[in-house]
Protein backbone atom coordinates (compact mmCIF):
# COMPACT_ATOMS: atom_id res chain seq x y z
CA MET A 1 -2.36 -24.28 16.59
CA LYS A 2 -4.09 -26.12 19.41
CA GLU A 3 -4.98 -25.09 22.94
CA ILE A 4 -3.75 -27.93 25.14
CA ASP A 5 -4.72 -26.23 28.41
CA LEU A 6 -6.12 -22.87 29.55
CA GLY A 7 -4.03 -20.30 27.68
CA ILE A 8 -1.39 -22.89 26.68
CA PHE A 9 -1.08 -23.28 22.89
CA LYS A 10 1.02 -25.60 20.77
CA SER A 11 1.95 -24.83 17.15
CA ASP A 12 3.53 -26.89 14.40
CA ASN A 13 5.14 -26.08 11.06
CA ASN A 14 1.80 -25.82 9.24
CA ASP A 15 0.56 -22.79 11.17
CA ASN A 16 0.51 -19.28 9.71
CA ILE A 17 0.53 -17.02 12.77
CA PHE A 18 0.27 -13.21 12.93
CA ILE A 19 0.46 -11.06 16.07
CA VAL A 20 -1.43 -7.75 15.93
CA GLY A 21 -0.75 -4.87 18.31
CA ASP A 22 -2.96 -2.13 19.73
CA ILE A 23 -5.81 -1.16 17.36
CA HIS A 24 -7.37 1.45 19.68
CA GLY A 25 -10.76 1.74 18.07
CA ASP A 26 -9.54 2.29 14.51
CA TYR A 27 -11.60 0.03 12.24
CA GLU A 28 -9.82 1.23 9.09
CA CYS A 29 -6.52 0.23 10.68
CA LEU A 30 -7.97 -3.20 11.45
CA ILE A 31 -9.14 -3.57 7.85
CA HIS A 32 -5.64 -2.88 6.51
CA CYS A 33 -4.14 -5.40 8.95
CA LEU A 34 -6.53 -8.25 8.10
CA VAL A 35 -7.11 -7.62 4.39
CA ASP A 36 -3.77 -6.32 3.10
CA LEU A 37 -1.19 -7.60 5.60
CA CYS A 38 -2.50 -10.88 7.05
CA LYS A 39 -4.57 -11.57 3.90
CA CYS A 40 -7.16 -13.58 5.79
CA CYS A 41 -10.24 -11.39 5.25
CA TYR A 42 -11.97 -9.43 2.53
CA ILE A 43 -14.51 -6.60 2.58
CA ILE A 44 -18.15 -7.03 1.72
CA LYS A 45 -20.77 -4.31 1.61
CA HIS A 46 -23.43 -4.75 4.24
CA ASN A 47 -27.02 -3.49 4.14
CA ASP A 48 -26.02 -0.18 5.72
CA GLU A 49 -23.07 0.10 3.31
CA CYS A 50 -20.52 -0.32 6.10
CA GLN A 51 -17.32 -2.20 5.35
CA LYS A 52 -17.98 -5.63 6.78
CA LEU A 53 -15.07 -8.05 7.06
CA GLN A 54 -15.52 -11.65 5.96
CA TRP A 55 -13.09 -14.52 6.60
CA ILE A 56 -11.63 -16.04 3.43
CA GLU A 57 -12.76 -19.61 2.82
CA ASN A 58 -10.15 -22.34 3.40
CA ASN A 59 -7.83 -19.86 5.09
CA ASN A 60 -6.26 -21.34 8.22
CA THR A 61 -4.46 -18.20 9.42
CA GLN A 62 -4.10 -17.80 13.19
CA LEU A 63 -4.40 -14.25 14.54
CA ILE A 64 -3.39 -13.19 18.03
CA PHE A 65 -4.44 -9.74 19.22
CA THR A 66 -2.46 -8.38 22.15
CA GLY A 67 -5.11 -6.12 23.65
CA ASP A 68 -6.29 -2.49 23.53
CA LEU A 69 -8.80 -3.05 20.77
CA ILE A 70 -10.72 -0.05 22.05
CA HIS A 71 -10.41 3.63 22.99
CA ARG A 72 -9.93 6.07 20.14
CA LYS A 73 -9.35 9.18 22.21
CA ARG A 74 -5.86 10.47 23.08
CA PHE A 75 -6.30 14.17 22.34
CA GLU A 76 -9.34 16.41 22.52
CA HIS A 77 -9.49 16.71 18.71
CA VAL A 78 -10.27 13.12 17.68
CA VAL A 79 -9.64 12.37 13.99
CA ASP A 80 -12.67 10.88 12.21
CA ASP A 81 -14.41 9.25 15.16
CA GLU A 82 -15.90 6.03 13.77
CA CYS A 83 -17.72 4.74 16.86
CA SER A 84 -15.91 1.45 16.29
CA ASP A 85 -14.84 0.23 19.76
CA VAL A 86 -17.63 -2.27 20.33
CA TYR A 87 -17.95 -3.01 16.61
CA ILE A 88 -14.31 -4.16 16.52
CA ILE A 89 -14.78 -6.54 19.46
CA GLU A 90 -17.98 -8.01 18.03
CA ALA A 91 -16.48 -8.26 14.54
CA LEU A 92 -13.47 -10.22 15.86
CA LEU A 93 -15.70 -12.60 17.83
CA ARG A 94 -17.76 -13.20 14.68
CA LEU A 95 -14.65 -13.67 12.54
CA LYS A 96 -13.29 -16.13 15.11
CA ASN A 97 -16.27 -18.39 14.48
CA GLU A 98 -15.81 -18.05 10.71
CA ALA A 99 -12.08 -18.80 11.00
CA ASN A 100 -12.70 -21.91 13.11
CA GLU A 101 -14.58 -23.47 10.20
CA TYR A 102 -11.29 -23.60 8.24
CA ASN A 103 -8.95 -24.44 11.16
CA GLY A 104 -8.06 -20.78 11.53
CA ASP A 105 -8.49 -18.85 14.75
CA ILE A 106 -8.50 -15.47 16.45
CA ILE A 107 -7.05 -15.33 19.96
CA LEU A 108 -7.71 -12.26 22.10
CA VAL A 109 -5.40 -11.20 24.92
CA SER A 110 -6.89 -8.40 27.00
CA GLY A 111 -5.27 -5.00 27.38
CA ASN A 112 -5.55 -2.39 30.07
CA HIS A 113 -8.19 -0.47 28.11
CA GLU A 114 -10.63 -3.40 27.88
CA ILE A 115 -10.14 -4.07 31.59
CA MET A 116 -10.57 -0.38 32.40
CA ASN A 117 -13.94 -0.26 30.66
CA ILE A 118 -15.14 -3.50 32.29
CA ILE A 119 -14.24 -2.15 35.74
CA TYR A 120 -15.41 1.42 35.09
CA PRO A 121 -17.85 1.42 32.15
CA GLU A 122 -18.90 4.97 32.95
CA ASN A 123 -15.32 6.28 32.67
CA SER A 124 -14.88 8.08 29.35
CA SER A 125 -11.33 9.39 29.79
CA TYR A 126 -10.16 7.57 26.66
CA THR A 127 -13.53 7.13 24.98
CA SER A 128 -14.18 9.24 21.91
CA PRO A 129 -17.50 11.13 21.89
CA LYS A 130 -19.35 8.84 19.46
CA ASN A 131 -18.36 5.75 21.49
CA ILE A 132 -19.49 6.90 24.93
CA LYS A 133 -23.10 5.63 24.94
CA VAL A 134 -22.35 2.46 22.95
CA ASN A 135 -19.39 1.55 25.15
CA PHE A 136 -21.34 2.06 28.35
CA ARG A 137 -24.19 -0.18 27.16
CA PHE A 138 -21.76 -2.92 26.12
CA PHE A 139 -19.41 -2.87 29.10
CA SER A 140 -22.22 -2.72 31.67
CA ASP A 141 -23.98 -5.69 30.05
CA THR A 142 -23.03 -8.85 31.98
CA GLU A 143 -23.97 -11.21 29.16
CA LYS A 144 -21.82 -9.36 26.62
CA ILE A 145 -18.86 -9.16 28.99
CA ASN A 146 -19.17 -12.87 29.78
CA LEU A 147 -18.92 -13.67 26.07
CA TYR A 148 -15.85 -11.50 25.69
CA ILE A 149 -14.14 -12.96 28.79
CA ALA A 150 -14.91 -16.53 27.68
CA ASN A 151 -13.08 -15.79 24.42
CA SER A 152 -10.09 -13.91 25.81
CA TYR A 153 -7.10 -14.40 28.11
CA ALA A 154 -4.95 -12.49 30.56
CA TRP A 155 -1.93 -13.89 28.71
CA ILE A 156 -1.04 -16.93 26.64
CA LYS A 157 1.92 -19.24 26.13
CA LEU A 158 2.53 -20.31 22.52
CA ASN A 159 5.26 -22.96 22.39
CA ASP A 160 8.06 -21.12 24.21
CA ILE A 161 6.70 -17.58 23.67
CA LEU A 162 4.81 -15.63 26.32
CA ILE A 163 2.33 -13.20 24.75
CA VAL A 164 0.97 -10.59 27.15
CA HIS A 165 -0.22 -7.00 26.80
CA GLY A 166 2.06 -5.22 29.28
CA GLY A 167 4.66 -7.93 29.75
CA LEU A 168 5.66 -10.21 32.59
CA CYS A 169 7.01 -7.72 35.11
CA SER A 170 9.13 -8.48 38.16
CA GLN A 171 6.92 -7.05 40.85
CA TYR A 172 3.67 -8.81 40.04
CA MET A 173 5.57 -12.05 39.37
CA ASP A 174 7.01 -11.81 42.88
CA TYR A 175 3.46 -11.31 44.17
CA ILE A 176 2.17 -14.38 42.29
CA GLU A 177 5.00 -16.55 43.66
CA LYS A 178 4.37 -15.42 47.23
CA LYS A 179 0.65 -16.10 46.95
CA ASN A 180 1.13 -19.45 45.18
CA PRO A 181 4.47 -20.96 46.29
CA ASN A 182 3.57 -24.41 44.95
CA LYS A 183 2.78 -23.29 41.41
CA LYS A 184 5.58 -23.40 38.86
CA GLY A 185 6.00 -22.97 35.10
CA ILE A 186 2.85 -23.30 33.02
CA GLU A 187 0.81 -23.78 36.18
CA ILE A 188 1.29 -20.06 36.78
CA ILE A 189 -0.02 -19.26 33.28
CA LYS A 190 -3.08 -21.43 33.85
CA HIS A 191 -3.63 -20.07 37.35
CA VAL A 192 -3.66 -16.44 36.23
CA ASN A 193 -5.98 -17.20 33.30
CA LYS A 194 -8.36 -19.05 35.60
CA LYS A 195 -8.33 -16.12 37.99
CA TYR A 196 -9.03 -13.80 35.06
CA ARG A 197 -12.00 -15.86 33.85
CA ASP A 198 -13.42 -16.32 37.35
CA TYR A 199 -13.02 -12.68 38.37
CA PHE A 200 -14.54 -11.05 35.30
CA THR A 201 -17.28 -13.60 34.55
CA ASN A 202 -20.56 -12.20 35.90
CA PHE A 203 -18.61 -9.10 36.88
CA ASN A 204 -20.70 -6.35 38.46
CA TYR A 205 -18.90 -3.04 38.39
CA LYS A 206 -21.16 -1.78 41.19
CA LYS A 207 -20.41 -4.72 43.48
CA LYS A 208 -16.83 -5.96 43.27
CA LYS A 209 -15.91 -9.56 44.05
CA ASN A 210 -14.03 -10.39 47.22
CA ASP A 211 -10.82 -11.74 45.68
CA SER A 212 -7.74 -9.85 46.78
CA GLU A 213 -5.31 -11.69 44.48
CA SER A 214 -7.36 -10.99 41.35
CA TYR A 215 -7.87 -7.40 42.46
CA ILE A 216 -4.10 -6.89 42.78
CA LEU A 217 -3.29 -8.62 39.48
CA PHE A 218 -6.01 -7.14 37.30
CA GLU A 219 -7.55 -4.08 38.88
CA ALA A 220 -5.27 -2.22 41.30
CA TYR A 221 -3.44 0.38 39.23
CA GLU A 222 -0.44 0.41 41.54
CA LEU A 223 0.72 -2.73 43.31
CA ASP A 224 2.67 -0.54 45.69
CA PRO A 225 1.73 3.17 45.78
CA THR A 226 5.29 4.08 46.75
CA SER A 227 6.95 2.33 43.81
CA LEU A 228 4.77 3.35 40.85
CA LYS A 229 4.84 -0.24 39.53
CA HIS A 230 1.64 -1.43 37.95
CA ASN A 231 -0.45 -4.58 37.53
CA MET A 232 -0.10 -7.04 34.64
CA PHE A 233 -2.12 -4.96 32.19
CA TRP A 234 -0.36 -1.67 32.92
CA CYS A 235 3.30 -2.53 33.56
CA ARG A 236 5.96 -1.18 31.19
CA GLN A 237 9.15 -2.72 32.52
CA TRP A 238 10.18 -4.05 29.11
CA GLY A 239 8.68 -1.38 26.89
CA TYR A 240 11.48 1.06 26.32
CA SER A 241 15.05 1.61 27.58
CA ASN A 242 17.45 -0.22 29.90
CA ILE A 243 16.53 -3.77 28.93
CA LYS A 244 18.59 -6.32 30.84
CA CYS A 245 18.47 -9.51 28.79
CA ASN A 246 19.66 -11.85 31.56
CA GLU A 247 16.97 -10.49 33.85
CA LEU A 248 14.38 -10.98 31.11
CA GLN A 249 15.41 -14.60 30.55
CA ASN A 250 15.32 -15.42 34.25
CA LEU A 251 11.90 -13.87 34.64
CA ILE A 252 10.09 -15.44 31.68
CA GLY A 253 11.86 -18.72 32.42
CA LYS A 254 9.71 -18.91 35.54
CA VAL A 255 6.72 -19.59 33.27
CA ASP A 256 8.66 -21.99 31.01
CA CYS A 257 9.17 -19.42 28.24
CA ASP A 258 12.26 -18.30 26.33
CA LYS A 259 10.71 -15.37 24.45
CA MET A 260 8.09 -12.70 25.04
CA ILE A 261 5.90 -10.48 22.83
CA ILE A 262 4.39 -7.38 24.41
CA ALA A 263 2.25 -4.42 23.34
CA HIS A 264 1.11 -1.45 25.46
CA CYS A 265 4.22 0.71 24.88
CA PRO A 266 3.97 2.77 21.65
CA GLN A 267 7.39 2.47 20.08
CA PHE A 268 7.21 5.80 18.28
CA LEU A 269 7.41 7.35 21.77
CA ASP A 270 10.66 5.56 22.63
CA PRO A 271 12.83 8.20 24.37
CA ASP A 272 16.00 6.87 22.72
CA LYS A 273 14.78 6.64 19.12
CA PRO A 274 11.28 6.52 17.58
CA GLN A 275 10.71 3.01 16.27
CA THR A 276 8.15 0.73 14.70
CA ILE A 277 8.07 -2.95 15.78
CA SER A 278 11.27 -3.35 17.76
CA PHE A 279 13.31 -6.26 19.11
CA ARG A 280 15.78 -6.80 21.92
CA CYS A 281 17.96 -9.63 23.22
CA GLU A 282 19.25 -11.64 20.26
CA ASN A 283 19.17 -15.43 20.50
CA LYS A 284 21.17 -18.22 18.87
CA ASP A 285 18.38 -19.02 16.39
CA ASP A 286 18.84 -15.83 14.35
CA GLY A 287 16.03 -14.14 16.19
CA PHE A 288 15.26 -12.23 19.34
CA ASN A 289 13.77 -12.97 22.74
CA LEU A 290 11.71 -9.79 23.07
CA ALA A 291 9.36 -8.17 20.55
CA ARG A 292 7.48 -4.92 21.20
CA ILE A 293 4.60 -4.44 18.80
CA ASP A 294 2.58 -1.42 19.93
CA LEU A 295 3.13 1.11 17.14
CA GLY A 296 0.55 3.76 17.94
CA MET A 297 -0.86 2.89 14.51
CA SER A 298 -4.40 4.00 15.36
CA ARG A 299 -5.59 7.46 14.43
CA ALA A 300 -6.14 7.87 18.16
CA PHE A 301 -2.54 9.12 18.19
CA GLU A 302 -3.04 11.56 15.34
CA TYR A 303 -2.46 15.17 16.34
CA ASN A 304 -5.39 17.03 14.84
CA SER A 305 -5.23 20.51 16.28
CA CYS A 306 -3.49 23.64 15.09
CA ASP A 307 -2.83 24.35 18.76
CA ASP A 308 -1.07 20.99 19.23
CA THR A 309 1.15 21.44 16.17
CA GLN A 310 1.54 25.22 16.24
CA LEU A 311 0.29 25.04 12.68
CA THR A 312 -1.69 28.03 11.46
CA ILE A 313 -3.02 28.03 7.94
CA ASP A 314 -3.36 31.51 6.48
CA LYS A 315 -3.77 31.49 2.71
CA ASP A 316 -3.08 35.24 2.46
CA ASN A 317 0.05 35.26 4.58
CA PHE A 318 1.98 32.05 3.99
CA ASP A 319 5.74 31.55 4.17
CA GLU A 320 8.30 28.77 4.24
CA SER A 321 8.02 28.29 8.02
CA ILE A 322 4.55 26.82 7.44
CA PHE A 323 6.10 24.11 5.31
CA LYS A 324 8.54 23.30 8.10
CA MET A 325 5.76 23.07 10.67
CA PHE A 326 3.64 20.91 8.40
CA LEU A 327 6.67 18.73 7.70
CA LYS A 328 7.10 18.20 11.45
CA TYR A 329 3.39 17.46 11.81
CA LEU A 330 3.41 14.86 9.04
CA ASN A 331 6.66 13.28 10.16
CA PHE A 332 5.13 12.65 13.59
CA ASN A 333 1.83 11.31 12.32
CA PHE A 334 3.15 9.35 9.35
CA ASN A 335 5.97 7.69 11.33
CA ARG A 336 3.45 5.28 12.83
CA LYS A 337 3.39 2.68 10.06
CA ILE A 338 0.82 -0.10 10.27
CA GLN A 339 2.62 -3.41 10.83
CA VAL A 340 1.92 -6.93 12.05
CA LEU A 341 4.37 -9.57 13.26
CA GLN A 342 4.42 -12.93 11.47
CA LEU A 343 6.03 -15.72 13.47
CA ILE A 344 8.75 -17.75 11.78
CA ASN A 345 7.98 -21.45 12.14
CA LYS A 346 10.87 -23.81 11.49
CA ASP A 347 11.42 -27.31 12.85
CA ASP A 348 8.52 -26.76 15.27
CA LYS A 349 10.32 -23.73 16.70
CA LEU A 350 8.76 -20.28 16.65
CA ASN A 351 10.92 -17.22 16.28
CA PHE A 352 10.77 -13.59 15.21
CA ASN A 353 13.19 -11.06 13.73
CA TYR A 354 13.10 -8.11 11.35
CA SER A 355 12.02 -10.33 8.46
CA SER A 356 8.90 -11.10 10.52
CA ILE A 357 7.57 -7.56 10.11
CA ILE A 358 4.75 -7.45 7.55
CA THR A 359 3.95 -3.95 6.31
CA GLU A 360 3.16 -1.84 3.26
CA LYS A 361 4.94 1.05 5.05
CA LEU A 362 1.73 3.04 5.30
CA SER A 363 0.50 5.00 8.27
CA CYS A 364 -3.26 4.83 8.71
CA MET A 365 -3.70 8.29 7.17
CA GLN A 366 -1.53 7.35 4.19
CA TYR A 367 -3.56 4.17 3.75
CA LEU A 368 -6.76 6.23 3.73
CA LEU A 369 -5.34 8.82 1.35
CA LEU A 370 -4.65 5.91 -0.98
CA LYS A 371 -8.06 4.40 -0.39
CA TYR A 372 -10.24 7.50 -0.68
CA GLY A 373 -8.05 10.16 -2.33
CA ILE A 374 -5.56 12.81 -1.30
CA GLN A 375 -8.08 15.66 -1.06
CA LYS A 376 -11.22 15.89 0.98
CA LYS A 377 -13.38 16.36 -2.11
CA PHE A 378 -12.52 12.84 -3.25
CA TRP A 379 -13.57 11.44 0.14
CA LYS A 380 -16.91 13.20 -0.10
CA LYS A 381 -17.56 11.66 -3.51
CA LYS A 382 -17.24 8.26 -1.83
CA GLY A 383 -19.57 9.22 1.00
CA MET A 384 -16.75 9.81 3.46
CA ASP A 385 -16.26 12.86 5.62
CA SER A 386 -13.14 13.81 7.56
CA ASN A 387 -12.09 16.44 10.07
CA TRP A 388 -8.36 15.87 9.48
CA ILE A 389 -6.61 19.26 9.48
CA GLY A 390 -4.04 18.05 6.96
CA PHE A 391 -6.59 18.46 4.18
CA ASP A 392 -6.54 22.25 4.62
CA LEU A 393 -2.86 22.55 3.78
CA ILE A 394 -3.00 19.91 1.07
CA ASP A 395 -5.77 21.89 -0.61
CA MET A 396 -3.61 24.98 -0.37
CA LEU A 397 -0.59 23.20 -1.83
CA CYS A 398 -2.73 21.89 -4.66
CA ASN A 399 -4.08 25.31 -5.59
CA LYS A 400 -2.33 26.51 -8.77
CA ASP A 401 -2.97 30.18 -8.03
CA PHE A 402 -1.46 29.80 -4.60
CA LEU A 403 1.56 27.91 -5.92
CA ASN A 404 2.11 30.59 -8.55
CA LYS A 405 1.94 33.24 -5.84
CA CYS A 406 4.51 31.32 -3.80
CA ASN A 407 6.70 31.01 -6.87
CA ASN A 408 6.49 34.75 -7.51
CA ASP A 409 7.55 35.28 -3.92
CA LYS A 410 10.70 33.26 -4.66
CA LEU A 411 9.44 30.17 -2.91
CA GLU A 412 10.34 27.50 -5.43
CA LEU A 413 7.37 25.68 -6.92
CA ASN A 414 9.16 22.33 -6.86
CA LYS A 415 9.75 22.72 -3.12
CA SER A 416 6.02 22.65 -2.42
CA LEU A 417 5.55 19.73 -4.79
CA SER A 418 8.46 17.85 -3.24
CA ILE A 419 6.82 18.09 0.18
CA ILE A 420 3.71 16.45 -1.24
CA GLU A 421 5.79 13.84 -3.02
CA ASN A 422 8.25 12.99 -0.24
CA ILE A 423 5.87 13.11 2.71
CA LEU A 424 2.47 12.26 1.31
CA CYS A 425 3.49 10.10 -1.61
CA GLU A 426 6.81 8.51 -0.75
CA VAL A 427 5.23 5.22 0.25
CA VAL A 428 1.67 5.76 -0.91
CA LYS A 429 0.94 3.16 -3.54
CA LYS A 430 -1.82 2.72 -6.04
CA LYS A 431 -3.29 -0.67 -6.75
CA ASN A 432 -3.59 -1.55 -10.41
CA GLU A 433 -6.24 -3.81 -11.94
CA ASP A 434 -4.26 -6.92 -11.02
CA ASN A 435 -4.27 -5.83 -7.37
CA LEU A 436 -0.50 -5.37 -7.51
CA PHE A 437 1.21 -2.36 -6.01
CA SER A 438 3.13 0.22 -8.01
CA VAL A 439 4.57 3.40 -6.52
CA GLU A 440 2.88 6.48 -7.90
CA CYS A 441 2.37 9.93 -6.49
CA PHE A 442 -1.19 11.15 -6.38
CA TYR A 443 -0.50 14.44 -8.06
CA LYS A 444 1.05 12.57 -10.98
CA ASN A 445 -2.13 10.56 -11.19
CA ASN A 446 -4.46 13.46 -12.00
CA HIS A 447 -5.72 13.91 -8.48
CA PHE A 448 -5.03 17.64 -8.64
């Protein structure tokens, strides 16, 4: 994959390309994506015993991240705050250099959360407590921001695919055309990327640059306060319902593209039907023209409060309704399976469809239960701590005295075990010595 102009990339049949959606400050989620799904990195222990990622030698994988690498906070009760926002950015910039040695690459497209922290580094609305000081130091440091901006884009064009965080939306495209009537096709892609680099290089959040076009495109939350339409990092025109395929084709055709990949819109929140990676607008090449890859796969979206879930855990007064509430809780949190999109490359044409989805069908919490153990005591043995409320009920379900009490109260023992099996263990897999996966439930594997 070669960059032939600013943000314009050309791929051939030899490229192995993965698109990764919103990570939102979850380093464990990133590890699973790069090690297990994309298979381009491995973990090494660093001096401080952290899990450092290393690029695999002679691996020419191309990774494209679609923004929102940062911001772990969605609810007040953050699950297992890692302080990973800045670490993820710096790790990907380091891995990019390692990948380049083997003709691999990491391409970063910015999301609204990176831009938000560059513009307002003191704003901690989405910043988890452990990240606040580290994020402020990083995003108020001109040299560090310059390095990030020099290695990122507002959007990119890869062959005939537009890859952009929020999508190419009608209103800001109309604005671009009015401001630049002589620019057509890929010139618009290049123009916006140049504006992005110029505007945010040497950016001083205390003294904004006098560039009205860049301000409207990148910074102004609402292009028109009366319409509630947003700039290129915030727009959600193509994220959920009422997709008009002809309108999509006409719009992305203005930048010489036939397909588009977007993030920014968590598909598990789709008002029609909760989804993982989703596609719209079938094409004649056995693929689609629109892919939406924000899955809410970060633990930022993990409900972790009894108040949020109406889940109360009372070991002395426990009935079947608790199981139902916990079932609802787990269904919500475990529906967000970690996935990446692998582009299909045939006859120098890139495409994507349901066979492009690469996943082990694990949510981040399921991945970690596999990695560290299904009970908190196993995590502690490995030097890990967790504030996840699910452990409280799992411990209760694993307590033989409690299960016997439930059984005596005519609550069938196998019902409690089936909840563990079907919800916690249905897709949780254990690696054997050959690093192959075999489906096994934890409780059948002497974990409790």
